[in-house]
Amino acid sequence: MGRKKEETQEEVKPEKLDISKLLESTRKSFPEALITTGDDPELKVKTIPSGIWLLDNALKGGFRRGCLNEVTGEFGTGKTWLILHTMKQAQLSGFSCGLLDTEKRFDPEWARDKLGIDLKDILIVKNIRGTPAFKLMLQWIDAGIDLIGVDSITHLIPDEFANSDDFNPTMGVKARLMSDGLDRLVYRNRNTCILAANQLRADIGNRFNRGIMKKMTGGAAQYFDAASIIEIRRRGWIKDSGEATEDDGESDKKSYNKIGFVMDCIITKVNYAPSIQTTVKINYNIKTSEVDNILSVVDLAFDKKIISKAGPYFNYEGENILGKQGIRDFFQNN
């Protein structure tokens, strides 16, 4: 029998691609695009903080720059307040701000006296339609503005409505306006934080809906284009004599003055932080016009069962403390 020859095949390693040469050539071919490597500091997520500890922590630093961020909810829940509060924090950090007041409800005295906004350092726009509003935002973006507030998307009226006295139904006009406008904003915006308020309406397109399911106005494009979506709900009142809220179980026979309110910020979408639907409780004091971050931390500790409660007393590490104001002072002093 003849002896078979063993054929050995050497592995041929493919030649490694020179990333630096490819990067240089693609930059020359597409100068308008941002083409870089993954370790470029330019790709780091940049945010503008809202000044609310728990909310900024859940959003990995605040509202993302270069993207659309939406604040939605029912009427009177605090959407405008959150936008203006973020603008105040942006001014304290030296950022430039502009506000599209499409609802025509901006009160300069309230913004200055209650929130501390510098009126000389903020641009206010009123009486503007949908298409010119998007063109104006693009102009601000190209100029390098840091924060644009829109209050609200609901009142970005399409030209078909603004220039006509007829009230004929026009299906999908607002949705097409939002889709086209947001596509341009996503393409052109690289460093500007857009913080827009929107309203919740009943989902009439669902025949099984009984008024429970709600959706934002302006079509489905904003659900995809928004980097974060926060729904605000009013949870209860903050009262004096112990800072008791309505659901604390204290007697309603006592007379308490309402000095603030509690908001639930439900983060339904965030694509630059852990994508877990979370709820952030915000305690806002009407008298001081400030967010009580310590009281919000107390609420978080109670939800996480770090603090227990029996009647009007809170228990923390074996120590009984009377009232919500008492536990708040305890954390502030310790």
Protein backbone atom coordinates (compact mmCIF):
# COMPACT_ATOMS: atom_id res chain seq x y z
CA MET A 1 0.00 0.00 0.00
CA GLY A 2 1.27 3.35 -0.90
CA ARG A 3 1.77 5.76 1.84
CA LYS A 4 -0.57 8.74 1.70
CA LYS A 5 1.01 12.11 1.88
CA GLU A 6 -0.40 14.35 4.52
CA GLU A 7 -1.24 17.70 3.12
CA THR A 8 -0.73 20.56 5.52
CA GLN A 9 -2.48 23.81 4.87
CA GLU A 10 -1.22 26.92 6.49
CA GLU A 11 -3.80 29.34 7.83
CA VAL A 12 -3.83 32.51 5.84
CA LYS A 13 -4.51 35.43 8.16
CA PRO A 14 -6.38 38.29 6.52
CA GLU A 15 -4.57 41.57 6.38
CA LYS A 16 -5.78 43.92 9.09
CA LEU A 17 -7.55 47.00 7.81
CA ASP A 18 -5.83 50.29 8.53
CA ILE A 19 -8.53 52.18 10.43
CA SER A 20 -6.60 55.46 10.40
CA LYS A 21 -6.37 55.51 6.60
CA LEU A 22 -10.04 54.58 6.25
CA LEU A 23 -10.97 57.33 8.72
CA GLU A 24 -9.00 59.92 6.78
CA SER A 25 -10.45 58.91 3.42
CA THR A 26 -14.07 58.88 4.63
CA ARG A 27 -13.64 62.28 6.26
CA LYS A 28 -12.53 63.69 2.90
CA SER A 29 -15.45 62.06 1.11
CA PHE A 30 -18.08 63.14 3.66
CA PRO A 31 -16.90 66.41 5.22
CA GLU A 32 -20.38 67.29 6.54
CA ALA A 33 -20.60 64.14 8.70
CA LEU A 34 -19.01 63.54 12.09
CA ILE A 35 -16.74 60.55 11.48
CA THR A 36 -14.47 59.51 14.30
CA THR A 37 -13.42 56.55 16.44
CA GLY A 38 -15.30 55.27 19.47
CA ASP A 39 -12.84 56.72 21.99
CA ASP A 40 -13.30 60.30 20.78
CA PRO A 41 -14.36 62.60 23.69
CA GLU A 42 -16.73 64.28 21.23
CA LEU A 43 -19.01 61.22 21.50
CA LYS A 44 -19.43 61.55 25.27
CA VAL A 45 -23.01 62.15 26.33
CA LYS A 46 -23.45 65.81 27.25
CA THR A 47 -26.36 66.98 29.34
CA ILE A 48 -27.90 70.08 30.89
CA PRO A 49 -28.99 69.39 34.49
CA SER A 50 -32.44 70.28 35.74
CA GLY A 51 -31.19 71.04 39.26
CA ILE A 52 -33.31 68.24 40.73
CA TRP A 53 -31.07 65.60 42.28
CA LEU A 54 -33.13 62.48 41.76
CA LEU A 55 -34.26 63.42 38.25
CA ASP A 56 -30.74 64.26 37.08
CA ASN A 57 -29.47 61.02 38.57
CA ALA A 58 -32.10 58.99 36.71
CA LEU A 59 -31.30 60.84 33.47
CA LYS A 60 -27.53 60.30 33.87
CA GLY A 61 -26.80 63.97 34.46
CA GLY A 62 -29.81 65.76 33.01
CA PHE A 63 -31.46 66.37 29.66
CA ARG A 64 -29.29 65.32 26.74
CA ARG A 65 -27.76 67.89 24.44
CA GLY A 66 -28.08 67.48 20.70
CA CYS A 67 -31.49 65.81 21.08
CA LEU A 68 -35.17 66.40 21.67
CA ASN A 69 -36.42 65.87 25.24
CA GLU A 70 -40.16 65.93 25.92
CA VAL A 71 -42.13 66.65 29.08
CA THR A 72 -45.73 65.55 28.87
CA GLY A 73 -48.73 65.24 31.14
CA GLU A 74 -52.20 66.51 31.97
CA PHE A 75 -52.99 70.20 32.41
CA GLY A 76 -51.63 71.92 35.51
CA THR A 77 -49.09 69.24 36.37
CA GLY A 78 -45.93 71.38 36.17
CA LYS A 79 -44.60 70.97 32.62
CA THR A 80 -43.89 74.68 32.11
CA TRP A 81 -42.38 74.95 35.57
CA LEU A 82 -39.92 72.12 34.85
CA ILE A 83 -38.80 73.78 31.59
CA LEU A 84 -38.27 77.16 33.25
CA HIS A 85 -36.57 75.59 36.27
CA THR A 86 -34.12 73.85 33.92
CA MET A 87 -33.52 77.16 32.15
CA LYS A 88 -32.67 78.80 35.46
CA GLN A 89 -30.13 76.08 36.18
CA ALA A 90 -28.72 76.48 32.67
CA GLN A 91 -28.28 80.22 33.22
CA LEU A 92 -26.44 79.55 36.48
CA SER A 93 -24.03 77.34 34.50
CA GLY A 94 -23.46 80.07 31.91
CA PHE A 95 -25.55 78.51 29.13
CA SER A 96 -27.60 80.49 26.60
CA CYS A 97 -31.37 79.91 26.50
CA GLY A 98 -34.30 80.62 24.22
CA LEU A 99 -38.03 79.95 24.73
CA LEU A 100 -40.74 79.49 22.10
CA ASP A 101 -43.86 80.54 23.98
CA THR A 102 -46.43 79.21 21.54
CA GLU A 103 -49.13 79.18 24.25
CA LYS A 104 -48.49 82.89 25.04
CA ARG A 105 -48.47 82.24 28.79
CA PHE A 106 -44.95 83.27 29.77
CA ASP A 107 -45.09 85.61 32.78
CA PRO A 108 -41.78 87.49 33.03
CA GLU A 109 -42.43 88.75 36.56
CA TRP A 110 -43.23 85.26 37.86
CA ALA A 111 -40.19 83.81 36.08
CA ARG A 112 -37.95 86.50 37.55
CA ASP A 113 -39.33 86.75 41.08
CA LYS A 114 -40.25 83.10 41.74
CA LEU A 115 -37.74 81.15 39.66
CA GLY A 116 -34.86 83.60 39.51
CA ILE A 117 -34.53 83.68 35.72
CA ASP A 118 -32.38 86.46 34.28
CA LEU A 119 -34.78 88.06 31.80
CA LYS A 120 -32.00 89.96 30.02
CA ASP A 121 -30.26 86.70 29.16
CA ILE A 122 -33.13 84.71 27.64
CA LEU A 123 -34.77 84.99 24.21
CA ILE A 124 -38.60 84.85 24.10
CA VAL A 125 -40.57 84.18 20.90
CA LYS A 126 -44.34 84.51 20.57
CA ASN A 127 -46.86 84.48 17.68
CA ILE A 128 -45.06 81.99 15.46
CA ARG A 129 -46.45 79.17 13.35
CA GLY A 130 -45.17 75.64 13.02
CA THR A 131 -42.96 75.86 9.93
CA PRO A 132 -41.34 79.22 10.86
CA ALA A 133 -40.83 77.85 14.41
CA PHE A 134 -38.77 74.95 13.09
CA LYS A 135 -36.79 77.32 10.85
CA LEU A 136 -36.12 79.56 13.84
CA MET A 137 -34.93 76.62 15.94
CA LEU A 138 -32.60 75.55 13.14
CA GLN A 139 -31.18 79.10 13.01
CA TRP A 140 -30.62 79.07 16.77
CA ILE A 141 -28.98 75.64 16.53
CA ASP A 142 -26.61 76.84 13.82
CA ALA A 143 -25.78 79.88 15.98
CA GLY A 144 -24.79 77.57 18.86
CA ILE A 145 -27.50 78.18 21.46
CA ASP A 146 -27.34 75.77 24.39
CA LEU A 147 -30.98 75.25 25.42
CA ILE A 148 -34.26 75.74 23.53
CA GLY A 149 -37.55 75.45 25.40
CA VAL A 150 -40.81 74.88 23.54
CA ASP A 151 -44.05 75.50 25.41
CA SER A 152 -45.68 73.71 23.82
CA ILE A 153 -45.61 71.38 20.81
CA THR A 154 -49.40 71.27 20.91
CA HIS A 155 -49.59 74.88 19.72
CA LEU A 156 -47.15 74.57 16.83
CA ILE A 157 -49.92 75.33 14.34
CA PRO A 158 -49.48 74.12 10.72
CA ASP A 159 -49.64 76.78 8.02
CA GLU A 160 -52.85 75.23 6.67
CA PHE A 161 -54.55 76.20 9.93
CA ALA A 162 -52.92 79.57 10.52
CA ASN A 163 -53.59 80.98 7.05
CA SER A 164 -57.17 79.75 6.66
CA ASP A 165 -60.48 80.75 8.21
CA ASP A 166 -62.06 77.43 7.25
CA PHE A 167 -62.52 74.73 9.83
CA ASN A 168 -62.48 71.76 7.48
CA PRO A 169 -60.97 68.56 8.90
CA THR A 170 -57.41 67.93 7.72
CA MET A 171 -56.21 64.49 8.69
CA GLY A 172 -52.54 64.13 9.58
CA VAL A 173 -51.40 67.70 8.84
CA LYS A 174 -49.90 68.24 12.31
CA ALA A 175 -48.23 64.82 12.27
CA ARG A 176 -46.58 65.52 8.90
CA LEU A 177 -45.36 68.90 10.16
CA MET A 178 -43.80 67.31 13.23
CA SER A 179 -42.24 64.46 11.26
CA ASP A 180 -40.61 66.78 8.70
CA GLY A 181 -39.51 69.31 11.31
CA LEU A 182 -38.05 66.75 13.71
CA ASP A 183 -36.15 65.05 10.89
CA ARG A 184 -34.37 68.33 10.17
CA LEU A 185 -33.70 68.98 13.85
CA VAL A 186 -32.20 65.51 14.33
CA TYR A 187 -29.93 66.01 11.33
CA ARG A 188 -28.73 69.55 12.10
CA ASN A 189 -28.64 69.50 15.89
CA ARG A 190 -25.36 68.42 17.47
CA ASN A 191 -25.04 70.29 20.76
CA THR A 192 -28.33 72.04 21.56
CA CYS A 193 -30.70 70.65 24.16
CA ILE A 194 -34.34 70.96 23.06
CA LEU A 195 -36.79 70.66 25.95
CA ALA A 196 -40.40 70.68 24.80
CA ALA A 197 -43.70 70.40 26.63
CA ASN A 198 -46.58 68.42 25.19
CA GLN A 199 -50.09 67.50 26.22
CA LEU A 200 -51.76 64.14 26.62
CA ARG A 201 -54.98 63.51 24.72
CA ALA A 202 -57.35 60.56 24.57
CA ASP A 203 -56.36 57.94 22.01
CA ILE A 204 -59.46 58.08 19.79
CA GLY A 205 -57.87 55.78 17.22
CA ASN A 206 -58.26 52.82 19.55
CA ARG A 207 -61.85 51.59 19.52
CA PHE A 208 -61.30 49.61 22.72
CA ASN A 209 -60.18 52.72 24.61
CA ARG A 210 -62.48 53.90 27.40
CA GLY A 211 -60.71 57.21 28.00
CA ILE A 212 -57.83 55.57 29.87
CA MET A 213 -55.22 55.28 27.14
CA LYS A 214 -53.67 58.62 26.18
CA LYS A 215 -51.03 59.75 23.74
CA MET A 216 -49.06 62.90 22.92
CA THR A 217 -50.27 65.28 20.24
CA GLY A 218 -48.27 65.62 17.05
CA GLY A 219 -48.01 62.08 15.72
CA ALA A 220 -45.78 59.11 16.37
CA ALA A 221 -42.53 60.59 15.01
CA GLN A 222 -41.69 62.31 18.29
CA TYR A 223 -41.82 59.00 20.18
CA PHE A 224 -38.92 57.81 18.03
CA ASP A 225 -37.00 61.09 17.74
CA ALA A 226 -37.09 62.04 21.43
CA ALA A 227 -34.07 61.04 23.51
CA SER A 228 -36.16 61.15 26.68
CA ILE A 229 -39.86 61.37 27.48
CA ILE A 230 -41.04 62.28 30.97
CA GLU A 231 -44.67 62.17 32.06
CA ILE A 232 -45.54 64.41 35.01
CA ARG A 233 -48.40 63.66 37.38
CA ARG A 234 -49.56 65.60 40.42
CA ARG A 235 -49.48 63.27 43.43
CA GLY A 236 -50.59 65.40 46.37
CA TRP A 237 -50.07 68.52 48.44
CA ILE A 238 -47.34 69.38 50.90
CA LYS A 239 -48.86 70.85 54.06
CA ASP A 240 -47.35 72.70 56.97
CA SER A 241 -47.32 71.39 60.54
CA GLY A 242 -45.14 68.42 59.69
CA GLU A 243 -44.97 68.77 55.88
CA ALA A 244 -47.65 66.08 55.64
CA THR A 245 -48.94 65.05 52.22
CA GLU A 246 -52.49 63.91 51.58
CA ASP A 247 -51.60 60.23 51.62
CA ASP A 248 -49.67 60.26 54.90
CA GLY A 249 -52.63 59.04 56.93
CA GLU A 250 -52.84 62.05 59.25
CA SER A 251 -56.21 63.31 60.35
CA ASP A 252 -58.03 65.47 57.82
CA LYS A 253 -59.86 67.24 60.64
CA LYS A 254 -56.81 69.36 61.36
CA SER A 255 -56.38 72.60 59.47
CA TYR A 256 -53.25 72.62 57.34
CA ASN A 257 -52.00 75.24 54.91
CA LYS A 258 -50.88 73.99 51.52
CA ILE A 259 -47.31 75.18 51.01
CA GLY A 260 -46.30 72.98 48.10
CA PHE A 261 -47.08 69.94 46.00
CA VAL A 262 -45.57 66.59 45.06
CA MET A 263 -44.98 65.58 41.45
CA ASP A 264 -44.29 62.14 40.05
CA CYS A 265 -41.91 62.27 37.07
CA ILE A 266 -42.38 58.99 35.21
CA ILE A 267 -39.46 58.44 32.85
CA THR A 268 -41.05 56.41 30.08
CA LYS A 269 -38.15 56.65 27.64
CA VAL A 270 -34.47 57.46 27.93
CA ASN A 271 -31.94 56.12 25.42
CA TYR A 272 -28.75 57.38 27.07
CA ALA A 273 -29.27 55.91 30.56
CA PRO A 274 -30.51 52.56 31.91
CA SER A 275 -33.78 52.00 30.05
CA ILE A 276 -35.89 51.15 33.07
CA GLN A 277 -39.18 52.94 33.64
CA THR A 278 -38.68 54.81 36.89
CA THR A 279 -40.67 57.31 38.91
CA VAL A 280 -39.02 60.32 40.54
CA LYS A 281 -40.91 62.21 43.25
CA ILE A 282 -40.36 65.97 43.29
CA ASN A 283 -41.34 68.07 46.31
CA TYR A 284 -41.86 71.70 45.29
CA ASN A 285 -42.33 74.39 47.94
CA ILE A 286 -44.59 77.20 46.76
CA LYS A 287 -43.40 79.63 49.45
CA THR A 288 -39.71 79.34 48.67
CA SER A 289 -40.18 78.45 44.97
CA GLU A 290 -37.53 75.79 45.39
CA VAL A 291 -37.38 72.03 45.00
CA ASP A 292 -36.96 70.32 48.36
CA ASN A 293 -34.38 67.72 47.33
CA ILE A 294 -33.97 66.45 50.91
CA LEU A 295 -37.68 65.71 51.19
CA SER A 296 -37.54 63.89 47.85
CA VAL A 297 -34.71 61.73 49.19
CA VAL A 298 -36.85 60.98 52.28
CA ASP A 299 -39.66 59.81 50.00
CA LEU A 300 -37.22 57.63 48.06
CA ALA A 301 -35.89 56.10 51.30
CA PHE A 302 -39.44 55.38 52.42
CA ASP A 303 -40.28 53.69 49.07
CA LYS A 304 -37.12 51.58 49.35
CA LYS A 305 -38.17 50.62 52.93
CA ILE A 306 -35.07 52.19 54.42
CA ILE A 307 -37.45 54.25 56.54
CA SER A 308 -40.58 52.78 58.09
CA LYS A 309 -43.66 54.59 59.34
CA ALA A 310 -46.18 53.97 62.10
CA GLY A 311 -48.87 56.61 62.43
CA PRO A 312 -47.23 60.07 62.48
CA TYR A 313 -43.83 58.63 63.48
CA PHE A 314 -41.00 57.68 61.14
CA ASN A 315 -38.45 55.09 62.17
CA TYR A 316 -34.87 55.18 60.96
CA GLU A 317 -32.26 52.83 62.44
CA GLY A 318 -34.31 52.36 65.61
CA GLU A 319 -34.95 56.05 66.19
CA ASN A 320 -38.54 57.34 66.15
CA ILE A 321 -38.98 60.79 64.62
CA LEU A 322 -42.24 62.72 64.62
CA GLY A 323 -43.61 64.05 61.33
CA LYS A 324 -42.23 64.45 57.86
CA GLN A 325 -40.64 67.77 58.71
CA GLY A 326 -38.89 66.09 61.62
CA ILE A 327 -37.39 63.32 59.49
CA ARG A 328 -36.40 65.90 56.92
CA ASP A 329 -34.58 68.00 59.53
CA PHE A 330 -32.94 64.84 60.85
CA PHE A 331 -31.43 64.03 57.45
CA GLN A 332 -30.43 67.64 56.85
CA ASN A 333 -28.59 67.89 60.17
CA ASN A 334 -26.96 64.47 59.90
